[in-house]
N, C-alpha and C. Protein backbone atom coordinates (compact mmCIF):
# COMPACT_ATOMS: atom_id res chain seq x y z
N MET A 1 0.84 -1.19 0.00
CA MET A 1 0.00 0.00 0.00
C MET A 1 0.88 1.25 0.00
N ASN A 2 0.37 2.29 -0.67
CA ASN A 2 1.13 3.54 -0.64
C ASN A 2 0.69 4.39 0.54
N LEU A 3 1.44 5.43 0.81
CA LEU A 3 1.21 6.28 1.97
C LEU A 3 -0.20 6.85 2.00
N GLN A 4 -0.66 7.39 0.89
CA GLN A 4 -1.99 8.00 0.85
C GLN A 4 -3.08 6.97 1.15
N SER A 5 -2.97 5.79 0.59
CA SER A 5 -3.95 4.73 0.85
C SER A 5 -3.97 4.34 2.32
N VAL A 6 -2.79 4.23 2.92
CA VAL A 6 -2.70 3.87 4.33
C VAL A 6 -3.36 4.95 5.19
N VAL A 7 -3.06 6.21 4.91
CA VAL A 7 -3.63 7.32 5.69
C VAL A 7 -5.16 7.35 5.54
N GLU A 8 -5.65 7.26 4.29
CA GLU A 8 -7.08 7.35 4.05
C GLU A 8 -7.84 6.14 4.59
N ALA A 9 -7.17 5.01 4.74
CA ALA A 9 -7.82 3.82 5.30
C ALA A 9 -7.78 3.81 6.82
N THR A 10 -6.84 4.52 7.42
CA THR A 10 -6.62 4.46 8.86
C THR A 10 -7.26 5.60 9.64
N VAL A 11 -7.05 6.83 9.21
CA VAL A 11 -7.44 8.00 10.00
C VAL A 11 -8.96 8.05 10.26
N PRO A 12 -9.82 7.78 9.28
CA PRO A 12 -11.27 7.80 9.59
C PRO A 12 -11.65 6.78 10.67
N GLY A 13 -10.96 5.66 10.74
CA GLY A 13 -11.21 4.66 11.77
C GLY A 13 -10.86 5.16 13.16
N LEU A 14 -10.02 6.17 13.24
CA LEU A 14 -9.67 6.77 14.52
C LEU A 14 -10.66 7.88 14.91
N GLY A 15 -11.61 8.18 14.00
CA GLY A 15 -12.62 9.19 14.29
C GLY A 15 -12.33 10.56 13.72
N TYR A 16 -11.44 10.63 12.74
CA TYR A 16 -11.05 11.92 12.16
C TYR A 16 -11.26 11.92 10.65
N GLU A 17 -11.46 13.09 10.12
CA GLU A 17 -11.58 13.29 8.67
C GLU A 17 -10.22 13.71 8.13
N VAL A 18 -9.80 13.12 7.02
CA VAL A 18 -8.58 13.55 6.34
C VAL A 18 -8.98 14.73 5.46
N VAL A 19 -8.49 15.92 5.80
CA VAL A 19 -8.80 17.12 5.04
C VAL A 19 -7.83 17.27 3.88
N ASP A 20 -6.56 17.05 4.15
CA ASP A 20 -5.54 17.21 3.13
C ASP A 20 -4.30 16.43 3.53
N LEU A 21 -3.58 15.98 2.54
CA LEU A 21 -2.31 15.28 2.73
C LEU A 21 -1.33 15.86 1.74
N GLU A 22 -0.23 16.39 2.26
CA GLU A 22 0.80 16.98 1.42
C GLU A 22 2.10 16.22 1.61
N LEU A 23 2.76 15.96 0.51
CA LEU A 23 4.08 15.33 0.55
C LEU A 23 5.09 16.38 0.13
N GLY A 24 5.95 16.75 1.05
CA GLY A 24 6.92 17.80 0.78
C GLY A 24 8.28 17.23 0.47
N GLN A 25 9.21 18.14 0.29
CA GLN A 25 10.58 17.74 0.00
C GLN A 25 11.23 17.15 1.24
N ASN A 26 12.26 16.39 1.03
CA ASN A 26 13.05 15.80 2.11
C ASN A 26 12.23 14.90 3.02
N GLY A 27 11.25 14.19 2.46
CA GLY A 27 10.50 13.21 3.24
C GLY A 27 9.44 13.76 4.17
N LEU A 28 9.02 15.00 3.98
CA LEU A 28 7.99 15.60 4.83
C LEU A 28 6.61 15.07 4.45
N VAL A 29 5.85 14.62 5.44
CA VAL A 29 4.46 14.23 5.27
C VAL A 29 3.65 15.16 6.17
N ARG A 30 2.78 15.96 5.56
CA ARG A 30 1.96 16.92 6.31
C ARG A 30 0.50 16.51 6.14
N LEU A 31 -0.16 16.23 7.27
CA LEU A 31 -1.53 15.76 7.29
C LEU A 31 -2.41 16.74 8.05
N PHE A 32 -3.53 17.12 7.44
CA PHE A 32 -4.51 17.99 8.08
C PHE A 32 -5.74 17.15 8.38
N ILE A 33 -6.16 17.16 9.65
CA ILE A 33 -7.31 16.36 10.08
C ILE A 33 -8.37 17.26 10.69
N ASP A 34 -9.60 16.74 10.77
CA ASP A 34 -10.69 17.50 11.39
C ASP A 34 -11.68 16.52 12.00
N LYS A 35 -12.51 17.03 12.87
CA LYS A 35 -13.62 16.27 13.45
C LYS A 35 -14.65 17.29 13.94
N PRO A 36 -15.89 16.88 14.11
CA PRO A 36 -16.88 17.81 14.66
C PRO A 36 -16.40 18.35 16.00
N GLY A 37 -16.50 19.65 16.18
CA GLY A 37 -16.04 20.27 17.41
C GLY A 37 -14.61 20.75 17.36
N GLY A 38 -13.88 20.40 16.29
CA GLY A 38 -12.52 20.88 16.12
C GLY A 38 -11.47 19.91 16.63
N ILE A 39 -10.23 20.28 16.39
CA ILE A 39 -9.07 19.45 16.67
C ILE A 39 -8.27 20.04 17.84
N THR A 40 -7.80 19.17 18.73
CA THR A 40 -6.94 19.58 19.83
C THR A 40 -5.52 19.08 19.59
N VAL A 41 -4.61 19.54 20.41
CA VAL A 41 -3.22 19.07 20.33
C VAL A 41 -3.18 17.57 20.61
N GLU A 42 -4.01 17.11 21.53
CA GLU A 42 -4.06 15.69 21.86
C GLU A 42 -4.51 14.86 20.66
N ASP A 43 -5.47 15.39 19.88
CA ASP A 43 -5.92 14.69 18.67
C ASP A 43 -4.76 14.53 17.69
N CYS A 44 -4.00 15.59 17.51
CA CYS A 44 -2.85 15.54 16.59
C CYS A 44 -1.82 14.53 17.07
N ALA A 45 -1.57 14.52 18.37
CA ALA A 45 -0.60 13.57 18.94
C ALA A 45 -1.09 12.13 18.77
N THR A 46 -2.38 11.90 18.98
CA THR A 46 -2.94 10.56 18.83
C THR A 46 -2.74 10.04 17.41
N VAL A 47 -3.10 10.87 16.42
CA VAL A 47 -2.97 10.46 15.02
C VAL A 47 -1.50 10.29 14.65
N SER A 48 -0.67 11.22 15.09
CA SER A 48 0.76 11.15 14.78
C SER A 48 1.38 9.87 15.34
N ASN A 49 1.11 9.56 16.61
CA ASN A 49 1.66 8.35 17.22
C ASN A 49 1.17 7.09 16.51
N HIS A 50 -0.10 7.05 16.18
CA HIS A 50 -0.66 5.89 15.49
C HIS A 50 -0.01 5.70 14.12
N LEU A 51 0.08 6.79 13.35
CA LEU A 51 0.65 6.70 12.00
C LEU A 51 2.14 6.38 12.03
N THR A 52 2.85 6.90 13.01
CA THR A 52 4.28 6.61 13.13
C THR A 52 4.50 5.10 13.27
N ARG A 53 3.73 4.48 14.16
CA ARG A 53 3.85 3.02 14.33
C ARG A 53 3.41 2.27 13.08
N LEU A 54 2.31 2.72 12.48
CA LEU A 54 1.79 2.05 11.29
C LEU A 54 2.76 2.16 10.11
N PHE A 55 3.35 3.34 9.91
CA PHE A 55 4.33 3.51 8.83
C PHE A 55 5.52 2.57 9.02
N MET A 56 5.91 2.34 10.27
CA MET A 56 7.02 1.43 10.53
C MET A 56 6.62 0.00 10.14
N VAL A 57 5.44 -0.41 10.54
CA VAL A 57 4.96 -1.76 10.22
C VAL A 57 4.80 -1.95 8.72
N GLU A 58 4.27 -0.95 8.04
CA GLU A 58 4.02 -1.02 6.60
C GLU A 58 5.27 -0.70 5.78
N ASN A 59 6.38 -0.36 6.46
CA ASN A 59 7.64 -0.03 5.81
C ASN A 59 7.49 1.15 4.84
N ILE A 60 6.80 2.19 5.31
CA ILE A 60 6.61 3.41 4.52
C ILE A 60 7.67 4.41 4.95
N GLY A 61 8.50 4.83 4.00
CA GLY A 61 9.58 5.74 4.30
C GLY A 61 9.14 7.19 4.34
N TYR A 62 9.60 7.90 5.36
CA TYR A 62 9.37 9.34 5.51
C TYR A 62 10.40 9.85 6.50
N ASP A 63 10.64 11.14 6.52
CA ASP A 63 11.58 11.69 7.49
C ASP A 63 10.89 12.45 8.60
N ARG A 64 9.78 13.14 8.26
CA ARG A 64 9.10 13.95 9.27
C ARG A 64 7.60 13.91 9.01
N LEU A 65 6.82 13.73 10.07
CA LEU A 65 5.37 13.70 9.99
C LEU A 65 4.82 14.88 10.79
N GLU A 66 3.98 15.69 10.15
CA GLU A 66 3.30 16.80 10.81
C GLU A 66 1.81 16.55 10.71
N VAL A 67 1.12 16.59 11.83
CA VAL A 67 -0.33 16.42 11.86
C VAL A 67 -0.91 17.67 12.51
N SER A 68 -1.88 18.31 11.84
CA SER A 68 -2.47 19.52 12.41
C SER A 68 -3.91 19.69 11.95
N SER A 69 -4.56 20.69 12.53
CA SER A 69 -5.92 21.03 12.12
C SER A 69 -5.86 21.78 10.80
N PRO A 70 -6.97 21.84 10.06
CA PRO A 70 -6.96 22.55 8.78
C PRO A 70 -6.92 24.06 8.94
N GLY A 71 -7.17 24.57 10.13
CA GLY A 71 -7.13 26.01 10.37
C GLY A 71 -8.41 26.71 9.94
N LEU A 72 -8.46 27.99 10.22
CA LEU A 72 -9.64 28.79 9.88
C LEU A 72 -9.82 28.93 8.37
N ASP A 73 -8.71 28.88 7.63
CA ASP A 73 -8.77 29.02 6.17
C ASP A 73 -8.70 27.65 5.51
N ARG A 74 -9.47 26.73 6.03
CA ARG A 74 -9.51 25.34 5.59
C ARG A 74 -9.69 25.22 4.07
N ALA A 75 -8.98 24.27 3.48
CA ALA A 75 -9.12 23.99 2.05
C ALA A 75 -10.46 23.29 1.80
N ILE A 76 -11.10 23.65 0.70
CA ILE A 76 -12.35 23.03 0.26
C ILE A 76 -11.99 22.20 -0.97
N LYS A 77 -12.13 20.86 -0.87
CA LYS A 77 -11.66 20.01 -1.96
C LYS A 77 -12.70 19.01 -2.45
N THR A 78 -13.37 18.35 -1.55
CA THR A 78 -14.25 17.24 -1.93
C THR A 78 -15.68 17.72 -2.17
N PRO A 79 -16.47 16.94 -2.89
CA PRO A 79 -17.89 17.31 -3.05
C PRO A 79 -18.59 17.51 -1.70
N ALA A 80 -18.23 16.70 -0.71
CA ALA A 80 -18.82 16.85 0.62
C ALA A 80 -18.43 18.20 1.23
N ASP A 81 -17.18 18.65 1.02
CA ASP A 81 -16.75 19.96 1.51
C ASP A 81 -17.57 21.07 0.87
N PHE A 82 -17.77 20.97 -0.46
CA PHE A 82 -18.52 22.02 -1.15
C PHE A 82 -19.96 22.09 -0.66
N ALA A 83 -20.55 20.96 -0.34
CA ALA A 83 -21.92 20.95 0.19
C ALA A 83 -21.93 21.48 1.63
N ARG A 84 -20.99 21.03 2.44
CA ARG A 84 -20.92 21.41 3.85
C ARG A 84 -20.71 22.91 4.05
N PHE A 85 -19.88 23.51 3.19
CA PHE A 85 -19.53 24.91 3.38
C PHE A 85 -20.27 25.86 2.43
N ALA A 86 -21.32 25.37 1.77
CA ALA A 86 -22.15 26.25 0.92
C ALA A 86 -22.69 27.38 1.80
N GLY A 87 -22.64 28.58 1.25
CA GLY A 87 -23.09 29.76 1.99
C GLY A 87 -21.97 30.48 2.72
N GLU A 88 -20.81 29.87 2.79
CA GLU A 88 -19.66 30.48 3.48
C GLU A 88 -18.85 31.32 2.49
N LEU A 89 -18.10 32.27 3.03
CA LEU A 89 -17.21 33.10 2.24
C LEU A 89 -15.94 32.30 1.94
N VAL A 90 -15.53 32.30 0.66
CA VAL A 90 -14.34 31.56 0.25
C VAL A 90 -13.42 32.43 -0.59
N ARG A 91 -12.14 32.07 -0.57
CA ARG A 91 -11.13 32.71 -1.41
C ARG A 91 -10.77 31.69 -2.48
N VAL A 92 -10.84 32.11 -3.74
CA VAL A 92 -10.57 31.22 -4.87
C VAL A 92 -9.31 31.70 -5.58
N LYS A 93 -8.41 30.76 -5.85
CA LYS A 93 -7.20 31.05 -6.62
C LYS A 93 -7.28 30.19 -7.88
N MET A 94 -7.23 30.83 -9.04
CA MET A 94 -7.37 30.16 -10.33
C MET A 94 -6.02 29.69 -10.87
N ARG A 95 -6.05 28.62 -11.64
CA ARG A 95 -4.85 28.18 -12.38
C ARG A 95 -4.64 29.06 -13.60
N MET A 96 -5.76 29.44 -14.19
CA MET A 96 -5.72 30.33 -15.35
C MET A 96 -6.75 31.43 -15.11
N PRO A 97 -6.49 32.64 -15.59
CA PRO A 97 -7.40 33.75 -15.29
C PRO A 97 -8.78 33.56 -15.93
N LEU A 98 -9.75 34.17 -15.28
CA LEU A 98 -11.10 34.23 -15.84
C LEU A 98 -11.08 35.16 -17.05
N PRO A 99 -12.15 35.18 -17.85
CA PRO A 99 -12.17 36.10 -19.01
C PRO A 99 -11.92 37.56 -18.64
N ASP A 100 -12.29 37.97 -17.41
CA ASP A 100 -12.05 39.36 -17.00
C ASP A 100 -10.65 39.55 -16.40
N LYS A 101 -9.79 38.54 -16.57
CA LYS A 101 -8.37 38.58 -16.16
C LYS A 101 -8.14 38.34 -14.66
N ARG A 102 -9.19 38.08 -13.87
CA ARG A 102 -9.00 37.82 -12.44
C ARG A 102 -8.46 36.41 -12.22
N LYS A 103 -7.49 36.31 -11.30
CA LYS A 103 -6.96 35.00 -10.91
C LYS A 103 -7.29 34.69 -9.45
N ARG A 104 -7.63 35.70 -8.69
CA ARG A 104 -7.96 35.54 -7.27
C ARG A 104 -9.18 36.39 -6.94
N PHE A 105 -10.09 35.81 -6.18
CA PHE A 105 -11.26 36.56 -5.76
C PHE A 105 -11.90 35.92 -4.54
N VAL A 106 -12.73 36.70 -3.87
CA VAL A 106 -13.46 36.24 -2.69
C VAL A 106 -14.94 36.33 -3.01
N GLY A 107 -15.69 35.30 -2.61
CA GLY A 107 -17.13 35.30 -2.84
C GLY A 107 -17.82 34.28 -1.95
N LYS A 108 -19.13 34.24 -2.06
CA LYS A 108 -19.94 33.31 -1.28
C LYS A 108 -20.08 32.00 -2.05
N LEU A 109 -19.69 30.90 -1.43
CA LEU A 109 -19.76 29.59 -2.07
C LEU A 109 -21.22 29.16 -2.20
N VAL A 110 -21.64 28.89 -3.42
CA VAL A 110 -22.97 28.36 -3.67
C VAL A 110 -22.92 26.84 -3.57
N GLY A 111 -21.88 26.23 -4.15
CA GLY A 111 -21.69 24.79 -4.10
C GLY A 111 -21.19 24.25 -5.41
N LEU A 112 -21.47 22.97 -5.65
CA LEU A 112 -21.11 22.31 -6.91
C LEU A 112 -22.38 22.08 -7.72
N GLU A 113 -22.31 22.37 -9.00
CA GLU A 113 -23.40 22.09 -9.93
C GLU A 113 -22.78 21.47 -11.17
N ASP A 114 -23.18 20.27 -11.51
CA ASP A 114 -22.62 19.55 -12.66
C ASP A 114 -21.10 19.50 -12.58
N ASN A 115 -20.58 19.24 -11.39
CA ASN A 115 -19.13 19.15 -11.13
C ASN A 115 -18.39 20.45 -11.41
N LYS A 116 -19.08 21.57 -11.36
CA LYS A 116 -18.46 22.88 -11.51
C LYS A 116 -18.68 23.66 -10.21
N VAL A 117 -17.68 24.44 -9.83
CA VAL A 117 -17.76 25.25 -8.62
C VAL A 117 -18.56 26.51 -8.93
N VAL A 118 -19.53 26.81 -8.06
CA VAL A 118 -20.36 28.00 -8.24
C VAL A 118 -20.12 28.93 -7.05
N VAL A 119 -19.72 30.18 -7.37
CA VAL A 119 -19.43 31.18 -6.36
C VAL A 119 -20.15 32.47 -6.74
N ASP A 120 -20.76 33.12 -5.75
CA ASP A 120 -21.41 34.41 -5.95
C ASP A 120 -20.41 35.48 -5.54
N VAL A 121 -19.98 36.29 -6.50
CA VAL A 121 -19.02 37.36 -6.24
C VAL A 121 -19.71 38.69 -6.51
N ASP A 122 -20.03 39.41 -5.45
CA ASP A 122 -20.69 40.71 -5.54
C ASP A 122 -21.94 40.65 -6.41
N GLY A 123 -22.76 39.62 -6.22
CA GLY A 123 -24.01 39.48 -6.96
C GLY A 123 -23.87 38.81 -8.31
N GLU A 124 -22.65 38.56 -8.76
CA GLU A 124 -22.42 37.88 -10.03
C GLU A 124 -22.13 36.41 -9.75
N ARG A 125 -22.89 35.54 -10.38
CA ARG A 125 -22.74 34.10 -10.16
C ARG A 125 -21.72 33.54 -11.15
N LEU A 126 -20.59 33.05 -10.63
CA LEU A 126 -19.54 32.47 -11.46
C LEU A 126 -19.61 30.95 -11.37
N THR A 127 -19.60 30.29 -12.51
CA THR A 127 -19.58 28.83 -12.60
C THR A 127 -18.26 28.45 -13.26
N ILE A 128 -17.42 27.72 -12.51
CA ILE A 128 -16.04 27.50 -12.93
C ILE A 128 -15.70 26.01 -12.93
N GLU A 129 -15.08 25.55 -14.00
CA GLU A 129 -14.60 24.17 -14.08
C GLU A 129 -13.58 23.94 -12.96
N GLN A 130 -13.69 22.82 -12.25
CA GLN A 130 -12.76 22.52 -11.18
C GLN A 130 -11.32 22.44 -11.67
N ALA A 131 -11.11 21.99 -12.89
CA ALA A 131 -9.76 21.87 -13.44
C ALA A 131 -9.09 23.24 -13.59
N HIS A 132 -9.86 24.32 -13.63
CA HIS A 132 -9.31 25.66 -13.79
C HIS A 132 -8.98 26.31 -12.45
N ILE A 133 -9.34 25.64 -11.36
CA ILE A 133 -9.14 26.20 -10.03
C ILE A 133 -7.92 25.56 -9.38
N ASP A 134 -7.07 26.40 -8.81
CA ASP A 134 -5.91 25.90 -8.07
C ASP A 134 -6.33 25.57 -6.63
N LYS A 135 -6.96 26.52 -5.93
CA LYS A 135 -7.35 26.32 -4.53
C LYS A 135 -8.64 27.06 -4.22
N VAL A 136 -9.44 26.45 -3.35
CA VAL A 136 -10.59 27.12 -2.74
C VAL A 136 -10.41 26.95 -1.24
N ARG A 137 -10.41 28.07 -0.52
CA ARG A 137 -10.23 28.04 0.93
C ARG A 137 -11.30 28.91 1.59
N LEU A 138 -11.69 28.52 2.80
CA LEU A 138 -12.58 29.38 3.57
C LEU A 138 -11.89 30.70 3.83
N GLU A 139 -12.64 31.77 3.81
CA GLU A 139 -12.12 33.10 4.11
C GLU A 139 -12.58 33.47 5.52
N PRO A 140 -11.65 33.43 6.49
CA PRO A 140 -12.04 33.72 7.86
C PRO A 140 -12.61 35.12 8.01
N GLN A 141 -13.62 35.24 8.85
CA GLN A 141 -14.23 36.54 9.12
C GLN A 141 -14.08 36.83 10.62
N PHE A 142 -13.59 38.01 10.91
CA PHE A 142 -13.38 38.39 12.32
C PHE A 142 -14.26 39.54 12.69
């Protein structure tokens, strides 16, 4: 099994959602987890300790494992995320500019329609192919 398969098969069984998994340079594995009510330091330690032992058993090579919460500016990636966070303010970063030359904008997430991301930006409804989007993140409001 590869690292991503092991993580996605294990972490939900511990009671956590895998929000994102990043593989960095020099053997860095960065995992973002979540659960209803939020993540504590103890949650991160629990997942880290479990995965450290599991990676050893499965002979998965890595140099450093970081486990943390997704933060206030959580990434929106899966269809479930788009449904869960519909109505929230999001920041969108495009891979390629929109026809009006914008590559970054903030708007209210409507959701997914026909596998396209729909965002309301100042009353204008934008429907964007997911392949054209680099990142969608929650925009924290204070």
